[in-house]
Protein backbone atom coordinates (compact mmCIF):
# COMPACT_ATOMS: atom_id res chain seq x y z
CA MET A 1 -13.27 2.29 12.38
CA GLU A 2 -15.31 5.09 10.82
CA LEU A 3 -17.93 2.54 9.75
CA ARG A 4 -18.39 1.16 13.26
CA PRO A 5 -21.05 2.64 15.54
CA ARG A 6 -19.64 4.60 18.45
CA LYS A 7 -20.75 7.03 21.12
CA PRO A 8 -21.94 10.45 19.91
CA GLY A 9 -19.50 13.25 20.58
CA VAL A 10 -16.40 11.01 20.76
CA PRO A 11 -14.44 11.73 17.57
CA LEU A 12 -11.51 9.66 16.34
CA HIS A 13 -8.51 11.76 15.27
CA ILE A 14 -5.68 10.28 13.19
CA GLU A 15 -2.44 12.20 12.72
CA SER A 16 0.81 11.35 10.95
CA ALA A 17 4.04 13.30 11.29
CA PRO A 18 5.43 14.66 7.98
CA ASP A 19 8.76 12.83 8.35
CA VAL A 20 7.19 9.33 8.42
CA PRO A 21 8.35 7.40 5.32
CA THR A 22 5.53 6.41 2.97
CA LEU A 23 7.11 3.35 1.31
CA LEU A 24 7.59 0.71 3.99
CA GLU A 25 7.87 -3.05 4.17
CA GLY A 26 6.31 -4.87 7.13
CA ASP A 27 3.43 -7.05 8.31
CA GLY A 28 0.41 -4.87 7.59
CA PHE A 29 -2.14 -7.44 8.71
CA ARG A 30 -0.61 -7.85 12.20
CA LEU A 31 -0.25 -4.08 12.53
CA GLN A 32 -3.91 -3.71 11.65
CA GLN A 33 -4.89 -6.19 14.38
CA ILE A 34 -2.81 -4.31 16.97
CA LEU A 35 -4.30 -0.92 16.09
CA LEU A 36 -7.87 -2.21 15.82
CA ASN A 37 -7.56 -3.72 19.30
CA LEU A 38 -6.14 -0.56 20.87
CA ILE A 39 -8.48 1.87 19.11
CA GLY A 40 -11.48 -0.40 19.73
CA ASN A 41 -10.74 -0.50 23.47
CA ALA A 42 -10.20 3.27 23.57
CA LEU A 43 -13.54 3.98 21.90
CA LYS A 44 -15.30 1.43 24.10
CA PHE A 45 -14.14 3.01 27.37
CA THR A 46 -14.49 6.68 26.39
CA GLU A 47 -17.80 8.41 27.11
CA GLN A 48 -16.65 12.01 26.59
CA GLY A 49 -13.72 13.68 24.88
CA SER A 50 -11.91 11.96 22.01
CA VAL A 51 -9.66 9.14 20.86
CA ARG A 52 -6.46 9.90 19.01
CA LEU A 53 -4.01 7.84 16.95
CA ALA A 54 -0.70 9.58 16.26
CA LEU A 55 2.07 8.19 14.06
CA SER A 56 5.63 9.49 14.37
CA VAL A 57 9.26 8.41 13.99
CA ALA A 58 10.66 7.23 17.33
CA HIS A 59 14.13 6.58 15.93
CA PRO A 60 15.11 7.76 12.44
CA ASP A 61 17.14 5.39 10.31
CA PRO A 62 17.56 5.51 6.52
CA CYS A 63 17.01 1.75 6.19
CA ARG A 64 15.03 0.58 9.22
CA PRO A 65 13.34 3.36 11.21
CA LEU A 66 11.45 2.74 14.43
CA LEU A 67 7.90 4.06 14.09
CA GLN A 68 5.74 5.04 17.05
CA PHE A 69 1.97 4.51 17.16
CA THR A 70 0.32 6.35 20.05
CA VAL A 71 -3.33 5.62 20.91
CA SER A 72 -4.68 7.97 23.58
CA ASP A 73 -8.17 8.48 24.99
CA THR A 74 -10.01 10.47 27.63
CA GLY A 75 -11.84 7.46 29.05
CA ILE A 76 -12.12 5.70 32.40
CA GLY A 77 -8.40 4.99 32.75
CA ILE A 78 -6.62 2.13 34.50
CA PRO A 79 -5.71 1.98 38.22
CA ALA A 80 -1.97 2.14 38.92
CA SER A 81 -2.12 -1.24 40.69
CA GLN A 82 -3.25 -2.88 37.44
CA LEU A 83 -0.74 -1.36 35.01
CA ASP A 84 2.02 -3.90 35.64
CA HIS A 85 -0.28 -6.79 34.70
CA ILE A 86 -2.48 -5.27 32.01
CA PHE A 87 -0.72 -7.21 29.21
CA ASP A 88 -0.87 -10.56 31.02
CA ARG A 89 -3.03 -13.23 29.41
CA PHE A 90 -6.71 -13.05 30.50
CA THR A 91 -6.07 -10.06 32.79
CA GLN A 92 -8.94 -7.61 33.23
CA VAL A 93 -9.11 -4.38 35.18
CA ASP A 94 -11.05 -5.07 38.35
CA SER A 95 -13.02 -1.93 39.07
CA GLY A 96 -16.62 -0.84 39.06
CA ASP A 97 -16.12 1.32 35.99
CA ALA A 98 -14.43 -1.50 34.11
CA ARG A 99 -17.19 -3.99 34.92
CA GLN A 100 -19.72 -1.47 33.62
CA TYR A 101 -18.03 -1.74 30.21
CA GLY A 102 -17.49 -5.49 30.28
CA GLY A 103 -13.91 -5.49 31.58
CA ALA A 104 -11.02 -3.30 30.48
CA GLY A 105 -7.80 -4.66 29.04
CA LEU A 106 -9.38 -7.43 26.99
CA GLY A 107 -7.28 -8.28 23.96
CA LEU A 108 -4.20 -6.47 25.25
CA SER A 109 -2.30 -9.73 25.77
CA ILE A 110 -2.86 -10.41 22.08
CA CYS A 111 -1.42 -6.99 21.22
CA LYS A 112 1.60 -7.70 23.40
CA GLN A 113 2.27 -11.01 21.63
CA LEU A 114 1.88 -9.50 18.17
CA VAL A 115 4.13 -6.55 19.02
CA THR A 116 6.79 -8.90 20.39
CA MET A 117 6.59 -11.04 17.27
CA LEU A 118 7.24 -7.92 15.18
CA SER A 119 10.33 -7.07 17.30
CA GLY A 120 8.61 -4.08 18.86
CA THR A 121 7.56 -2.74 22.28
CA ILE A 122 4.28 -1.64 23.86
CA GLU A 123 3.82 0.58 26.91
CA VAL A 124 0.89 2.16 28.73
CA THR A 125 0.40 5.18 30.96
CA SER A 126 -2.94 5.91 32.56
CA GLU A 127 -4.78 7.82 35.24
CA PRO A 128 -8.23 6.74 36.45
CA GLY A 129 -10.89 9.13 35.24
CA ARG A 130 -8.56 10.96 32.88
CA GLY A 131 -7.73 8.39 30.21
CA SER A 132 -5.00 6.08 28.93
CA THR A 133 -2.19 6.25 26.41
CA PHE A 134 -0.78 3.15 24.71
CA THR A 135 2.53 3.54 22.86
CA VAL A 136 3.64 0.94 20.32
CA ARG A 137 7.07 1.11 18.67
CA LEU A 138 7.74 -1.11 15.66
CA PRO A 139 10.64 -1.32 13.18
CA PHE A 140 9.94 -1.20 9.45
CA SER A 141 12.16 -1.47 6.40
CA VAL A 142 12.25 1.53 4.05
CA ILE A 143 12.02 0.82 0.32
CA THR A 144 14.50 3.32 -1.07
CA ALA A 145 15.43 1.90 -4.49
CA LEU A 146 14.15 -0.51 -7.09
CA PRO A 147 15.94 -3.79 -7.75
CA GLU A 148 18.50 -3.66 -10.51
CA THR A 149 16.62 -6.34 -12.46
CA LEU A 150 14.12 -3.68 -13.59
CA ALA A 151 15.08 -1.67 -16.63
CA PRO A 152 14.96 2.12 -16.06
CA SER A 153 12.01 2.50 -18.42
CA ASP A 154 10.06 -0.04 -16.37
CA ARG A 155 10.56 1.59 -13.00
CA PRO A 156 7.38 2.93 -11.38
CA GLU A 157 7.47 6.27 -9.64
CA SER A 158 6.62 4.75 -6.24
CA PRO A 159 8.04 1.23 -5.97
CA ALA A 160 6.25 -1.03 -3.50
CA ALA A 161 7.32 -4.55 -4.39
CA ASP A 162 9.96 -7.16 -3.87
CA THR A 163 11.65 -8.45 -6.99
CA ILE A 164 13.26 -11.86 -7.30
CA SER A 165 15.23 -12.63 -10.43
CA THR A 166 15.56 -16.38 -10.97
CA SER A 167 17.31 -16.22 -14.34
CA SER A 168 20.51 -18.23 -14.10
CA ASP A 169 22.11 -16.67 -17.18
CA PRO A 170 20.77 -13.16 -17.91
CA GLN A 171 23.15 -12.83 -20.85
CA THR A 172 21.44 -15.57 -22.85
CA MET A 173 17.79 -15.39 -21.87
CA THR A 174 15.14 -12.92 -20.81
CA PRO A 175 13.33 -14.12 -17.65
CA VAL A 176 9.60 -14.65 -17.85
CA SER A 177 8.18 -11.77 -15.81
CA ILE A 178 5.52 -12.63 -13.24
CA LEU A 179 3.58 -10.38 -10.88
CA LEU A 180 2.03 -11.93 -7.76
CA VAL A 181 -0.60 -9.77 -6.05
CA ASP A 182 -1.50 -11.17 -2.63
CA ASP A 183 -1.76 -9.54 0.80
CA SER A 184 -0.44 -12.72 2.50
CA PRO A 185 3.38 -12.82 2.80
CA GLU A 186 3.09 -16.60 3.17
CA THR A 187 1.75 -16.97 -0.38
CA GLY A 188 4.67 -14.95 -1.71
CA GLN A 189 7.16 -17.09 0.18
CA LEU A 190 5.59 -20.27 -1.19
CA VAL A 191 5.57 -19.07 -4.81
CA THR A 192 9.17 -17.88 -4.42
CA LEU A 193 10.13 -21.40 -3.33
CA TYR A 194 8.21 -22.97 -6.22
CA LEU A 195 10.05 -20.81 -8.76
CA LYS A 196 13.51 -21.08 -7.20
CA HIS A 197 16.27 -21.86 -9.75
CA LEU A 198 13.83 -21.38 -12.66
CA PRO A 199 14.16 -18.67 -15.33
CA TYR A 200 11.49 -16.35 -13.94
CA ARG A 201 11.50 -12.87 -12.51
CA LEU A 202 8.93 -12.58 -9.74
CA ASP A 203 7.57 -9.29 -8.43
CA LEU A 204 5.50 -9.28 -5.23
CA VAL A 205 2.96 -6.65 -4.23
CA SER A 206 0.36 -6.82 -1.47
CA SER A 207 -2.45 -4.51 -2.55
CA GLY A 208 -4.64 -3.56 -5.48
CA PRO A 209 -3.31 0.00 -5.89
CA ALA A 210 0.30 -1.28 -5.91
CA ALA A 211 -0.66 -3.87 -8.54
CA ILE A 212 -2.24 -1.24 -10.78
CA GLN A 213 0.87 0.92 -10.50
CA ARG A 214 3.13 -2.00 -11.36
CA CYS A 215 1.04 -3.00 -14.38
CA GLN A 216 1.10 0.55 -15.67
CA ALA A 217 4.90 0.64 -15.35
CA HIS A 218 5.76 -2.82 -16.68
CA ARG A 219 4.20 -5.32 -19.08
CA TYR A 220 4.19 -8.72 -17.37
CA ASP A 221 4.03 -12.10 -19.08
CA ILE A 222 1.51 -13.20 -16.45
CA VAL A 223 -0.20 -11.70 -13.39
CA PHE A 224 -1.51 -13.78 -10.46
CA LEU A 225 -4.17 -11.79 -8.61
CA ASP A 226 -5.69 -12.72 -5.24
CA LEU A 227 -9.41 -11.98 -5.27
CA GLN A 228 -9.89 -11.39 -1.53
CA MET A 229 -7.68 -8.56 -0.34
CA PRO A 230 -8.52 -5.86 2.22
CA GLY A 231 -9.29 -2.46 0.77
CA MET A 232 -9.32 -2.84 -3.01
CA ASP A 233 -10.13 -6.47 -3.79
CA GLY A 234 -8.96 -8.47 -6.79
CA TYR A 235 -12.12 -7.91 -8.80
CA THR A 236 -11.82 -4.12 -8.59
CA THR A 237 -8.10 -4.33 -9.31
CA ALA A 238 -8.64 -6.39 -12.47
CA ILE A 239 -11.31 -3.98 -13.72
CA ALA A 240 -8.96 -1.01 -13.20
CA ILE A 241 -6.05 -2.70 -14.99
CA ARG A 242 -8.23 -3.63 -17.96
CA ALA A 243 -9.66 -0.11 -18.17
CA TRP A 244 -6.16 1.39 -18.23
CA GLU A 245 -4.98 -1.08 -20.89
CA LYS A 246 -7.98 -0.25 -23.06
CA LYS A 247 -7.38 3.48 -22.69
CA GLN A 248 -3.72 3.02 -23.68
CA GLY A 249 -4.59 0.75 -26.60
CA LEU A 250 -2.54 -2.12 -25.14
CA ALA A 251 -3.12 -5.84 -25.51
CA PRO A 252 -4.39 -7.33 -22.25
CA MET A 253 -1.88 -9.12 -20.05
CA PRO A 254 -2.87 -12.60 -18.83
CA ILE A 255 -4.41 -12.14 -15.36
CA LEU A 256 -5.03 -15.32 -13.38
CA ALA A 257 -7.35 -15.04 -10.39
CA LEU A 258 -6.14 -16.70 -7.19
CA THR A 259 -9.00 -17.93 -5.05
CA ALA A 260 -9.73 -20.46 -2.34
CA ASP A 261 -13.45 -20.29 -3.18
CA VAL A 262 -14.73 -23.39 -4.93
CA LEU A 263 -18.00 -21.79 -5.98
CA ASN A 264 -18.48 -21.12 -9.68
CA ALA A 265 -19.89 -17.70 -8.80
CA ALA A 266 -16.43 -16.44 -7.74
CA TRP A 267 -14.84 -17.77 -10.92
CA GLU A 268 -17.54 -16.26 -13.14
CA ARG A 269 -17.25 -12.93 -11.36
CA SER A 270 -13.47 -12.92 -11.88
CA LEU A 271 -13.93 -13.54 -15.61
CA ASP A 272 -16.51 -10.74 -15.76
CA ALA A 273 -13.94 -8.44 -14.11
CA GLY A 274 -11.47 -9.16 -16.91
CA CYS A 275 -9.41 -12.06 -15.58
CA THR A 276 -8.08 -14.46 -18.20
CA GLY A 277 -8.57 -17.53 -16.01
CA PHE A 278 -8.13 -18.70 -12.44
CA ILE A 279 -6.14 -21.07 -10.30
CA GLY A 280 -7.51 -22.45 -7.05
CA LYS A 281 -5.89 -22.30 -3.64
CA PRO A 282 -4.14 -24.31 -2.38
CA PHE A 283 -2.01 -24.88 -5.46
CA SER A 284 0.95 -27.17 -6.02
CA GLN A 285 4.23 -26.39 -7.75
CA ALA A 286 3.12 -28.50 -10.72
CA SER A 287 -0.20 -26.67 -11.14
CA LEU A 288 1.52 -23.27 -10.86
CA LEU A 289 4.12 -24.11 -13.53
CA GLU A 290 1.46 -25.63 -15.77
CA THR A 291 -0.61 -22.44 -15.49
CA ILE A 292 2.41 -20.27 -16.35
CA SER A 293 3.20 -22.49 -19.34
CA HIS A 294 -0.39 -22.32 -20.60
CA TYR A 295 -1.12 -18.62 -20.16
CA ALA A 296 2.16 -16.69 -20.35
CA HIS A 297 2.40 -14.93 -23.72
CA LEU A 298 6.12 -15.12 -24.31
CA PRO A 299 7.57 -12.46 -26.62
CA ALA A 300 9.47 -13.16 -29.82
CA ALA A 301 13.28 -13.10 -29.76
CA PRO A 302 14.52 -9.50 -29.38
CA PRO A 303 16.87 -7.91 -31.97
CA ASP A 304 19.97 -8.45 -29.81
CA GLY A 305 19.70 -12.20 -30.26
CA THR A 306 18.82 -13.11 -26.66
CA GLN A 307 16.10 -15.70 -26.25
CA PRO A 308 13.06 -15.41 -24.01
CA ALA A 309 13.01 -18.00 -21.26
CA THR A 310 10.66 -20.93 -21.62
CA VAL A 311 9.03 -23.01 -18.95
CA SER A 312 11.20 -25.91 -17.85
CA PRO A 313 9.71 -29.17 -19.18
CA SER A 314 10.77 -31.08 -16.04
CA LEU A 315 9.51 -30.35 -12.55
CA PRO A 316 12.46 -29.21 -10.39
CA LEU A 317 12.87 -30.72 -6.95
CA LEU A 318 11.97 -28.43 -4.07
CA ASP A 319 14.69 -27.61 -1.58
CA GLU A 320 13.60 -29.74 1.39
CA GLN A 321 15.29 -27.47 3.95
CA ASP A 322 13.56 -24.38 2.53
CA LEU A 323 10.24 -26.24 2.46
CA GLN A 324 10.66 -27.37 6.07
CA ARG A 325 11.41 -23.81 7.16
CA LEU A 326 8.20 -22.64 5.51
CA ARG A 327 6.26 -25.46 7.18
CA GLU A 328 7.60 -24.40 10.57
CA LYS A 329 6.75 -20.76 9.85
CA PHE A 330 3.27 -21.79 8.72
CA LEU A 331 2.60 -23.59 12.02
CA HIS A 332 4.07 -20.69 14.01
CA ASN A 333 1.71 -18.27 12.26
CA ARG A 334 -1.25 -20.51 13.04
CA TRP A 335 -0.45 -20.28 16.76
CA LEU A 336 -0.60 -16.50 16.34
CA ASP A 337 -3.88 -16.85 14.45
CA LEU A 338 -5.37 -18.65 17.45
CA GLU A 339 -4.75 -15.62 19.63
CA THR A 340 -5.95 -13.18 16.99
CA VAL A 341 -9.16 -15.12 16.28
CA ALA A 342 -9.92 -15.32 20.01
CA SER A 343 -9.49 -11.56 20.33
CA ALA A 344 -11.53 -10.90 17.19
CA ALA A 345 -14.32 -13.17 18.45
CA HIS A 346 -14.51 -11.22 21.69
CA ALA A 347 -14.74 -7.97 19.72
CA SER A 348 -17.19 -9.47 17.17
CA ASP A 349 -14.67 -8.59 14.46
CA TRP A 350 -16.09 -10.96 11.85
CA THR A 351 -13.99 -9.45 9.06
CA ALA A 352 -10.75 -10.42 10.81
CA ILE A 353 -12.00 -13.96 11.46
CA GLN A 354 -13.10 -14.32 7.84
CA THR A 355 -9.73 -13.05 6.56
CA ILE A 356 -7.74 -15.42 8.76
CA GLY A 357 -9.96 -18.38 7.91
CA HIS A 358 -9.72 -17.66 4.19
CA ARG A 359 -5.91 -17.44 4.29
CA MET A 360 -5.68 -20.63 6.31
CA LYS A 361 -7.95 -22.44 3.88
CA GLY A 362 -5.90 -21.33 0.90
CA LEU A 363 -2.46 -22.16 2.31
CA ALA A 364 -2.74 -25.29 4.43
CA GLY A 365 -3.12 -27.75 1.57
CA SER A 366 0.14 -26.64 -0.02
CA TYR A 367 1.96 -27.98 3.05
CA GLY A 368 -0.15 -31.11 3.37
CA TYR A 369 -2.14 -29.88 6.38
CA THR A 370 -5.62 -30.73 5.09
CA GLU A 371 -7.27 -30.60 8.53
CA ILE A 372 -6.02 -27.05 9.13
CA GLY A 373 -7.41 -26.04 5.74
CA GLU A 374 -10.79 -27.47 6.74
CA ILE A 375 -10.72 -25.48 9.97
CA GLY A 376 -9.91 -22.34 7.99
CA ALA A 377 -12.94 -22.97 5.76
CA ALA A 378 -15.11 -23.53 8.84
CA LEU A 379 -13.90 -20.28 10.43
CA GLU A 380 -14.62 -18.35 7.24
CA ASP A 381 -18.12 -19.81 7.07
CA ALA A 382 -18.72 -19.12 10.78
CA ALA A 383 -17.68 -15.51 10.26
CA HIS A 384 -20.19 -15.18 7.41
CA ARG A 385 -22.92 -16.55 9.69
CA GLN A 386 -21.58 -14.70 12.77
CA ASP A 387 -21.68 -17.98 14.67
CA LEU A 388 -19.61 -17.46 17.83
CA ASP A 389 -20.08 -21.03 19.07
CA CYS A 390 -18.71 -22.42 15.81
CA VAL A 391 -15.71 -20.09 16.02
CA ALA A 392 -14.98 -21.27 19.58
CA ALA A 393 -15.26 -24.92 18.56
CA ASN A 394 -12.80 -24.46 15.70
CA ILE A 395 -10.37 -22.59 17.96
CA GLN A 396 -10.31 -25.67 20.18
CA ALA A 397 -9.92 -28.00 17.20
CA LEU A 398 -7.02 -25.98 15.79
CA THR A 399 -5.35 -25.90 19.21
CA GLN A 400 -5.44 -29.70 19.42
CA ILE A 401 -4.03 -30.13 15.91
CA LEU A 402 -1.21 -27.66 16.51
CA ARG A 403 -0.30 -29.40 19.76
CA GLN A 404 0.12 -32.61 17.80
CA LEU A 405 2.03 -31.07 14.89
CA ASP A 406 4.13 -28.58 16.85
CA PRO A 407 4.43 -29.81 20.47
CA ALA A 408 7.70 -27.93 21.06
CA HIS A 409 5.97 -24.58 20.44
CA ASP A 410 3.14 -25.54 22.79
CA ARG A 411 5.55 -26.45 25.61
CA ALA A 412 7.48 -23.22 25.10
CA ALA A 413 4.27 -21.19 25.31
């Protein structure tokens, strides 16, 4: 928000209470969309005073606390007669002041849907001419301990990953250790399914800084690194990991770039950043296992006589029920993307549209939804060109496809 132009003399204050846990598990991308919507509206409708985001603990719990995000402003406010309907779809505040700004309340129905999806609540209090306060409460899981599959010497000081041990007999083999770095939970769920019942230990992290910390604490047999992540991207992450390895005098770990870009420029740039190779999105189970087999530098047998795990020569069958659940979740998330893209288009948030399109493009093919992948690519391209008409056309196209693939969800909506 600091990089966006806003009215002079209207500062944005961000405060966090000292008792808010720092290691949390949740949907960061959806949270970002909620906060960007609320803060964007607050800045838009505030001519004098300030906008404030405050983070606190609404209900303390050692495992799953309820956090409170409060966005308050000193703007035009909302009439009392409108408050009961402000979160309804397509509702706008009908007042002279609101029309001056293009209509207040836009995007709030999206926030309501996202908050509900995350098992949270959203409330608003307001007084015309004095400002508004939106309060969002969301539950998060606290990461309090590292999985037991990590040896004490491998434990980082600030764990921020999920660990899945797929070794069926830890007494006789050492699992191949894999780190997946991707900000999309859907990619992690898919890779977890691909590696189910195989002798691998999979760690999942969602950001560049967390990946660097993990690589400094543990030597992985192979690292899969998404190139397009918010904040620190994959290129910067790879450069940092290689610089640390060089400083420590360590042999480089195999780092495989994950990318949905088909242009050679992205691949060449990833190699320049220090990646060992790359694997394109979407990827199949067979291509993932083949990549692991080709690049993972498996260690020699340790002194205690245990044997390092090797890649299974036969391709295991996927659990059809698990795969179907992921397909259903994929379609459900695309319905949510429709709402988010529509809100982002209204706010000219091209970064959000590009991110959603890129994720869609990289995931859809893994479930056999080629048309959805093509729409994701078109949305990403439209965001690059800032083509609003193209975004609107692809929203309609995606709506039609989802109605065909998931009619029950459409009728429920």
